[in-house]
Amino acid sequence: MQKPNCIMLIDDDDSDTFYHKIIIEEMNVTNCLLVAENGCEALRLLKEPDCIQPELIFLDLNMPKMNGWEFLDEYKNLNIPGKKSMIYILTTSMNPDDKERALQRAEVAGFFIKPLTKEILESIINNVPQ
């Protein structure tokens, strides 16, 4: 398993973010962990010239200011050098329409119900193209 240099969490729920950070840090699967509370904040971070571009993004769908769907629309139009991140939806939504809609998006690599587990994270890390 080669760890990605950077992972980004985009989620407005502080307790979920806290838990997911613990999982990622305990597994020591990245050198850099970026956290944003919503899509607007994530885009602002990603547009900063010195921002380490994440290989993986874990994206919640239901957030204030800019939800996950809106983030995906804006992200695909970002002019970021190099390859784009692999985006995994990580949500509490068990709506099958959300899953189908997400997996129809070219920029979405997978869809998972919260919380992020060590097993899910390991499976994703093992499938990240090197």
C-alpha atoms as a PDB file:
ATOM      1  CA  MET A   1       0.000   0.000   0.000  1.00  0.00           C
ATOM      2  CA  GLN A   2       1.506   3.312  -1.096  1.00  0.00           C
ATOM      3  CA  LYS A   3      -0.135   6.108   0.822  1.00  0.00           C
ATOM      4  CA  PRO A   4      -1.487   9.176  -0.948  1.00  0.00           C
ATOM      5  CA  ASN A   5       0.426  12.358  -0.214  1.00  0.00           C
ATOM      6  CA  CYS A   6      -2.764  14.263   0.659  1.00  0.00           C
ATOM      7  CA  ILE A   7      -6.390  13.490   1.604  1.00  0.00           C
ATOM      8  CA  MET A   8      -9.169  16.073   1.946  1.00  0.00           C
ATOM      9  CA  LEU A   9     -12.281  15.715   4.127  1.00  0.00           C
ATOM     10  CA  ILE A  10     -15.250  17.916   3.198  1.00  0.00           C
ATOM     11  CA  ASP A  11     -17.938  17.649   5.872  1.00  0.00           C
ATOM     12  CA  ASP A  12     -19.878  20.084   8.050  1.00  0.00           C
ATOM     13  CA  ASP A  13     -20.408  17.619  10.897  1.00  0.00           C
ATOM     14  CA  ASP A  14     -17.664  18.213  13.473  1.00  0.00           C
ATOM     15  CA  SER A  15     -18.087  14.831  15.183  1.00  0.00           C
ATOM     16  CA  ASP A  16     -17.888  12.932  11.884  1.00  0.00           C
ATOM     17  CA  THR A  17     -14.823  14.939  10.850  1.00  0.00           C
ATOM     18  CA  PHE A  18     -13.186  14.304  14.232  1.00  0.00           C
ATOM     19  CA  TYR A  19     -13.813  10.564  13.959  1.00  0.00           C
ATOM     20  CA  HIS A  20     -12.654  10.373  10.326  1.00  0.00           C
ATOM     21  CA  LYS A  21      -9.470  12.282  11.156  1.00  0.00           C
ATOM     22  CA  ILE A  22      -8.717   9.755  13.911  1.00  0.00           C
ATOM     23  CA  ILE A  23      -9.181   6.817  11.510  1.00  0.00           C
ATOM     24  CA  ILE A  24      -6.934   8.409   8.865  1.00  0.00           C
ATOM     25  CA  GLU A  25      -4.257   9.411  11.378  1.00  0.00           C
ATOM     26  CA  GLU A  26      -4.261   6.043  13.205  1.00  0.00           C
ATOM     27  CA  MET A  27      -3.795   4.224   9.903  1.00  0.00           C
ATOM     28  CA  ASN A  28      -1.022   6.635   8.889  1.00  0.00           C
ATOM     29  CA  VAL A  29      -2.192   6.624   5.262  1.00  0.00           C
ATOM     30  CA  THR A  30      -1.276  10.171   4.246  1.00  0.00           C
ATOM     31  CA  ASN A  31       1.320  12.869   4.764  1.00  0.00           C
ATOM     32  CA  CYS A  32      -1.211  15.715   4.650  1.00  0.00           C
ATOM     33  CA  LEU A  33      -4.848  15.955   5.748  1.00  0.00           C
ATOM     34  CA  LEU A  34      -6.930  18.933   4.614  1.00  0.00           C
ATOM     35  CA  VAL A  35     -10.328  19.627   6.184  1.00  0.00           C
ATOM     36  CA  ALA A  36     -13.124  21.862   4.886  1.00  0.00           C
ATOM     37  CA  GLU A  37     -16.566  22.434   6.409  1.00  0.00           C
ATOM     38  CA  ASN A  38     -18.347  22.851   3.068  1.00  0.00           C
ATOM     39  CA  GLY A  39     -17.807  22.974  -0.666  1.00  0.00           C
ATOM     40  CA  CYS A  40     -17.021  26.719  -0.715  1.00  0.00           C
ATOM     41  CA  GLU A  41     -14.231  26.327   1.815  1.00  0.00           C
ATOM     42  CA  ALA A  42     -12.860  23.283  -0.021  1.00  0.00           C
ATOM     43  CA  LEU A  43     -12.745  25.136  -3.352  1.00  0.00           C
ATOM     44  CA  ARG A  44     -11.035  28.093  -1.719  1.00  0.00           C
ATOM     45  CA  LEU A  45      -8.358  25.778  -0.287  1.00  0.00           C
ATOM     46  CA  LEU A  46      -7.895  23.920  -3.579  1.00  0.00           C
ATOM     47  CA  LYS A  47      -7.437  27.189  -5.486  1.00  0.00           C
ATOM     48  CA  GLU A  48      -4.634  28.406  -3.205  1.00  0.00           C
ATOM     49  CA  PRO A  49      -1.338  28.338  -5.124  1.00  0.00           C
ATOM     50  CA  ASP A  50       0.541  26.539  -2.341  1.00  0.00           C
ATOM     51  CA  CYS A  51      -2.204  23.971  -1.660  1.00  0.00           C
ATOM     52  CA  ILE A  52      -1.071  20.361  -1.863  1.00  0.00           C
ATOM     53  CA  GLN A  53      -3.628  18.834  -4.209  1.00  0.00           C
ATOM     54  CA  PRO A  54      -5.268  15.812  -2.595  1.00  0.00           C
ATOM     55  CA  GLU A  55      -5.236  12.451  -4.327  1.00  0.00           C
ATOM     56  CA  LEU A  56      -8.374  11.514  -2.372  1.00  0.00           C
ATOM     57  CA  ILE A  57     -11.380  13.599  -1.373  1.00  0.00           C
ATOM     58  CA  PHE A  58     -14.072  12.354   0.994  1.00  0.00           C
ATOM     59  CA  LEU A  59     -17.178  14.433   0.304  1.00  0.00           C
ATOM     60  CA  ASP A  60     -20.387  14.758   2.287  1.00  0.00           C
ATOM     61  CA  LEU A  61     -23.516  15.571   0.280  1.00  0.00           C
ATOM     62  CA  ASN A  62     -25.648  17.576   2.712  1.00  0.00           C
ATOM     63  CA  MET A  63     -23.807  20.711   3.803  1.00  0.00           C
ATOM     64  CA  PRO A  64     -24.665  24.408   4.140  1.00  0.00           C
ATOM     65  CA  LYS A  65     -23.346  27.120   1.780  1.00  0.00           C
ATOM     66  CA  MET A  66     -22.359  24.621  -0.928  1.00  0.00           C
ATOM     67  CA  ASN A  67     -23.483  21.002  -0.816  1.00  0.00           C
ATOM     68  CA  GLY A  68     -21.661  18.039  -2.301  1.00  0.00           C
ATOM     69  CA  TRP A  69     -23.519  18.154  -5.618  1.00  0.00           C
ATOM     70  CA  GLU A  70     -22.669  21.819  -6.095  1.00  0.00           C
ATOM     71  CA  PHE A  71     -19.046  21.125  -5.149  1.00  0.00           C
ATOM     72  CA  LEU A  72     -18.838  18.402  -7.812  1.00  0.00           C
ATOM     73  CA  ASP A  73     -20.168  20.824 -10.444  1.00  0.00           C
ATOM     74  CA  GLU A  74     -17.559  23.434  -9.531  1.00  0.00           C
ATOM     75  CA  TYR A  75     -14.705  20.962  -9.033  1.00  0.00           C
ATOM     76  CA  LYS A  76     -14.931  19.506 -12.516  1.00  0.00           C
ATOM     77  CA  ASN A  77     -14.382  23.027 -13.913  1.00  0.00           C
ATOM     78  CA  LEU A  78     -11.340  23.795 -11.741  1.00  0.00           C
ATOM     79  CA  ASN A  79      -8.143  24.379 -13.645  1.00  0.00           C
ATOM     80  CA  ILE A  80      -5.764  22.375 -11.466  1.00  0.00           C
ATOM     81  CA  PRO A  81      -2.419  21.216 -12.868  1.00  0.00           C
ATOM     82  CA  GLY A  82      -1.884  17.471 -12.809  1.00  0.00           C
ATOM     83  CA  LYS A  83      -4.504  14.819 -12.362  1.00  0.00           C
ATOM     84  CA  LYS A  84      -7.712  15.448 -10.487  1.00  0.00           C
ATOM     85  CA  SER A  85      -8.522  13.845  -7.152  1.00  0.00           C
ATOM     86  CA  MET A  86     -10.434  10.620  -6.726  1.00  0.00           C
ATOM     87  CA  ILE A  87     -13.655  11.655  -4.979  1.00  0.00           C
ATOM     88  CA  TYR A  88     -15.546   9.349  -2.663  1.00  0.00           C
ATOM     89  CA  ILE A  89     -18.958  10.330  -1.380  1.00  0.00           C
ATOM     90  CA  LEU A  90     -19.143   9.720   2.365  1.00  0.00           C
ATOM     91  CA  THR A  91     -22.658  10.496   3.549  1.00  0.00           C
ATOM     92  CA  THR A  92     -25.471   9.568   5.902  1.00  0.00           C
ATOM     93  CA  SER A  93     -27.889   9.533   2.954  1.00  0.00           C
ATOM     94  CA  MET A  94     -29.253   6.060   2.373  1.00  0.00           C
ATOM     95  CA  ASN A  95     -31.351   7.342  -0.519  1.00  0.00           C
ATOM     96  CA  PRO A  96     -30.689   4.961  -3.427  1.00  0.00           C
ATOM     97  CA  ASP A  97     -31.235   7.873  -5.837  1.00  0.00           C
ATOM     98  CA  ASP A  98     -28.270   9.708  -4.265  1.00  0.00           C
ATOM     99  CA  LYS A  99     -26.032   6.685  -4.775  1.00  0.00           C
ATOM    100  CA  GLU A 100     -27.150   6.225  -8.376  1.00  0.00           C
ATOM    101  CA  ARG A 101     -26.762   9.943  -9.106  1.00  0.00           C
ATOM    102  CA  ALA A 102     -23.289  10.003  -7.541  1.00  0.00           C
ATOM    103  CA  LEU A 103     -21.993   6.960  -9.387  1.00  0.00           C
ATOM    104  CA  GLN A 104     -23.159   8.412 -12.706  1.00  0.00           C
ATOM    105  CA  ARG A 105     -20.733  11.295 -12.187  1.00  0.00           C
ATOM    106  CA  ALA A 106     -17.366  10.710 -13.859  1.00  0.00           C
ATOM    107  CA  GLU A 107     -15.530  12.469 -11.025  1.00  0.00           C
ATOM    108  CA  VAL A 108     -16.982  10.166  -8.312  1.00  0.00           C
ATOM    109  CA  ALA A 109     -14.951   7.010  -7.642  1.00  0.00           C
ATOM    110  CA  GLY A 110     -17.221   5.521  -4.974  1.00  0.00           C
ATOM    111  CA  PHE A 111     -20.131   5.984  -2.560  1.00  0.00           C
ATOM    112  CA  PHE A 112     -20.081   5.009   1.116  1.00  0.00           C
ATOM    113  CA  ILE A 113     -22.372   5.451   4.091  1.00  0.00           C
ATOM    114  CA  LYS A 114     -20.743   7.104   7.122  1.00  0.00           C
ATOM    115  CA  PRO A 115     -18.743   6.479   9.143  1.00  0.00           C
ATOM    116  CA  LEU A 116     -15.468   5.905   7.355  1.00  0.00           C
ATOM    117  CA  THR A 117     -14.047   2.641   8.658  1.00  0.00           C
ATOM    118  CA  LYS A 118     -10.537   1.247   8.573  1.00  0.00           C
ATOM    119  CA  GLU A 119     -11.768  -1.429   6.155  1.00  0.00           C
ATOM    120  CA  ILE A 120     -13.247   1.107   3.743  1.00  0.00           C
ATOM    121  CA  LEU A 121     -10.156   3.300   3.912  1.00  0.00           C
ATOM    122  CA  GLU A 122      -7.815   0.361   3.367  1.00  0.00           C
ATOM    123  CA  SER A 123      -9.863  -0.792   0.371  1.00  0.00           C
ATOM    124  CA  ILE A 124      -9.736   2.693  -1.167  1.00  0.00           C
ATOM    125  CA  ILE A 125      -5.994   3.155  -0.518  1.00  0.00           C
ATOM    126  CA  ASN A 126      -5.275  -0.219  -2.107  1.00  0.00           C
ATOM    127  CA  ASN A 127      -7.136   0.873  -5.255  1.00  0.00           C
ATOM    128  CA  VAL A 128      -5.560   4.309  -5.678  1.00  0.00           C
ATOM    129  CA  PRO A 129      -3.610   4.434  -8.944  1.00  0.00           C
ATOM    130  CA  GLN A 130       0.076   5.041  -8.295  1.00  0.00           C
END
